[in-house]
Amino acid sequence: MDNETWRWVWVIATLVLGFGEIVTAGFFMLPFAVGALVATVLAWVGVAPLVQLLTFLTVSLIALFVLQRFVKKIDKDTPLMGSNRMLGQRGKVTEIIDPQSGTGRVRVETEDWRATTDGDDLEVGAAVRVTGIRGTRLVVEKVD
């Protein structure tokens, strides 16, 4: 293919990948859209197609690694939502927790939750810490 064809291949690739990034989640297509954009510029400048392709691959991979590190940092700083926000929280048993029957209740902050434990029975008034979520129940353990 001649350079004129490559120009339009890269323009179309940039637009398709950019649009794909907009309609999907996860920032997966964005690095490749950036790589295609750089290759588009090189094609319009008149750089050889092999250099365009190698640049596309290199820039895409670099952008992918940089973006993954950025997204991981943002995800780490995002507060937990839903019942997951209870993980690590402390509470008090309000109804005896029997691990055999899976019954019991705890109060964490201002909320009352059904609870279970993987250890021994927990008596009313015992201080507990939330270690997990199992269905609609908090999994708790006794705090000394």
Protein backbone atom coordinates (compact mmCIF):
# COMPACT_ATOMS: atom_id res chain seq x y z
CA MET A 1 0.00 0.00 0.00
CA ASP A 2 1.14 3.50 -0.67
CA ASN A 3 1.45 6.21 1.97
CA GLU A 4 -1.85 7.83 0.93
CA THR A 5 -3.73 4.64 1.81
CA TRP A 6 -1.92 4.34 5.15
CA ARG A 7 -3.00 7.89 6.01
CA TRP A 8 -6.63 6.91 5.77
CA VAL A 9 -6.13 3.55 7.44
CA TRP A 10 -4.66 5.32 10.48
CA VAL A 11 -7.35 8.03 10.49
CA ILE A 12 -10.10 5.39 10.42
CA ALA A 13 -8.31 3.29 13.07
CA THR A 14 -8.01 6.35 15.32
CA LEU A 15 -11.71 7.17 14.95
CA VAL A 16 -12.89 3.57 15.43
CA LEU A 17 -10.67 2.97 18.46
CA GLY A 18 -11.60 6.35 19.94
CA PHE A 19 -15.31 5.67 19.49
CA GLY A 20 -14.84 2.16 20.86
CA GLU A 21 -13.26 3.63 23.99
CA ILE A 22 -16.22 5.94 24.46
CA VAL A 23 -18.82 3.15 24.28
CA THR A 24 -16.92 0.57 26.36
CA ALA A 25 -15.59 0.58 29.89
CA GLY A 26 -12.12 -0.06 31.20
CA PHE A 27 -9.78 2.24 29.25
CA PHE A 28 -8.69 -0.66 27.04
CA MET A 29 -8.97 0.93 23.59
CA LEU A 30 -7.64 4.37 24.53
CA PRO A 31 -3.92 3.42 24.38
CA PHE A 32 -4.40 1.97 20.90
CA ALA A 33 -6.32 5.07 19.80
CA VAL A 34 -3.36 7.17 20.99
CA GLY A 35 -0.95 4.91 19.09
CA ALA A 36 -3.09 5.19 15.95
CA LEU A 37 -3.22 8.98 16.33
CA VAL A 38 0.59 9.19 16.45
CA ALA A 39 0.81 6.86 13.43
CA THR A 40 -1.70 9.11 11.62
CA VAL A 41 0.52 12.13 12.18
CA LEU A 42 3.55 10.21 10.91
CA ALA A 43 1.63 9.08 7.82
CA TRP A 44 0.60 12.67 6.99
CA VAL A 45 4.22 13.79 7.44
CA GLY A 46 5.32 11.13 4.96
CA VAL A 47 7.17 8.64 7.19
CA ALA A 48 7.57 5.09 5.84
CA PRO A 49 4.71 2.64 6.62
CA LEU A 50 6.98 0.25 8.54
CA VAL A 51 8.02 3.08 10.88
CA GLN A 52 4.35 4.03 11.28
CA LEU A 53 3.45 0.48 12.29
CA LEU A 54 6.36 0.15 14.73
CA THR A 55 5.54 3.54 16.23
CA PHE A 56 1.88 2.54 16.59
CA LEU A 57 2.86 -0.62 18.47
CA THR A 58 5.43 1.12 20.67
CA VAL A 59 3.26 4.10 21.58
CA SER A 60 0.24 1.84 22.21
CA LEU A 61 2.17 -0.39 24.60
CA ILE A 62 3.70 2.53 26.46
CA ALA A 63 0.30 4.22 26.74
CA LEU A 64 -1.27 0.95 27.93
CA PHE A 65 1.25 0.53 30.76
CA VAL A 66 1.04 4.19 31.81
CA LEU A 67 -2.76 4.14 31.76
CA GLN A 68 -2.93 0.88 33.75
CA ARG A 69 -0.78 2.36 36.49
CA PHE A 70 -2.96 5.49 36.54
CA VAL A 71 -6.20 3.48 36.72
CA LYS A 72 -4.85 1.24 39.51
CA LYS A 73 -3.95 4.31 41.54
CA ILE A 74 -7.41 5.79 41.05
CA ASP A 75 -9.11 2.47 41.90
CA LYS A 76 -7.07 2.20 45.09
CA ASP A 77 -8.21 5.66 46.20
CA THR A 78 -11.89 5.00 45.40
CA PRO A 79 -13.97 4.45 48.53
CA LEU A 80 -15.76 1.11 48.93
CA MET A 81 -19.44 1.10 48.00
CA GLY A 82 -22.47 -0.88 49.18
CA SER A 83 -21.93 -3.58 51.77
CA ASN A 84 -18.19 -3.61 50.99
CA ARG A 85 -17.85 -0.35 52.89
CA MET A 86 -18.39 -2.36 56.06
CA LEU A 87 -15.19 -4.40 55.61
CA GLY A 88 -12.83 -3.75 58.51
CA GLN A 89 -15.46 -1.84 60.50
CA ARG A 90 -16.13 -2.62 64.15
CA GLY A 91 -19.52 -3.28 65.68
CA LYS A 92 -21.41 -4.93 68.53
CA VAL A 93 -23.46 -8.12 68.54
CA THR A 94 -27.16 -7.32 69.13
CA GLU A 95 -28.47 -10.90 68.75
CA ILE A 96 -26.41 -14.02 69.52
CA ILE A 97 -24.52 -15.24 66.46
CA ASP A 98 -24.66 -19.01 66.00
CA PRO A 99 -22.32 -20.14 63.19
CA GLN A 100 -24.21 -23.46 62.84
CA SER A 101 -27.55 -21.87 62.00
CA GLY A 102 -26.08 -18.72 60.47
CA THR A 103 -28.33 -16.53 62.58
CA GLY A 104 -27.43 -13.41 64.47
CA ARG A 105 -27.30 -9.66 64.16
CA VAL A 106 -24.72 -6.93 64.63
CA ARG A 107 -24.83 -3.16 64.76
CA VAL A 108 -22.12 -1.45 62.73
CA GLU A 109 -22.10 2.33 62.95
CA THR A 110 -25.82 3.17 62.73
CA GLU A 111 -26.89 0.11 60.74
CA ASP A 112 -28.25 -3.25 61.86
CA TRP A 113 -27.03 -6.27 59.81
CA ARG A 114 -27.57 -10.01 59.76
CA ALA A 115 -24.27 -11.66 60.60
CA THR A 116 -22.44 -14.95 60.76
CA THR A 117 -19.06 -16.05 62.03
CA ASP A 118 -16.59 -18.79 61.20
CA GLY A 119 -15.60 -19.17 64.85
CA ASP A 120 -17.51 -19.90 68.09
CA ASP A 121 -20.87 -18.42 69.09
CA LEU A 122 -20.74 -14.70 69.77
CA GLU A 123 -22.76 -13.38 72.70
CA VAL A 124 -24.82 -10.18 72.78
CA GLY A 125 -22.61 -7.17 73.47
CA ALA A 126 -19.42 -8.73 72.08
CA ALA A 127 -17.19 -6.39 70.08
CA VAL A 128 -16.65 -7.64 66.53
CA ARG A 129 -14.84 -6.68 63.33
CA VAL A 130 -16.27 -7.29 59.84
CA THR A 131 -13.96 -9.62 57.89
CA GLY A 132 -16.11 -10.39 54.87
CA ILE A 133 -19.48 -10.46 53.17
CA ARG A 134 -21.36 -13.69 52.49
CA GLY A 135 -24.54 -13.09 50.53
CA THR A 136 -26.52 -10.56 52.56
CA ARG A 137 -24.71 -11.26 55.83
CA LEU A 138 -21.62 -9.73 57.33
CA VAL A 139 -18.94 -12.22 58.38
CA VAL A 140 -17.54 -11.08 61.72
CA GLU A 141 -14.90 -12.13 64.20
CA LYS A 142 -14.55 -11.30 67.88
CA VAL A 143 -12.25 -8.42 68.79
CA ASP A 144 -10.35 -8.64 72.06
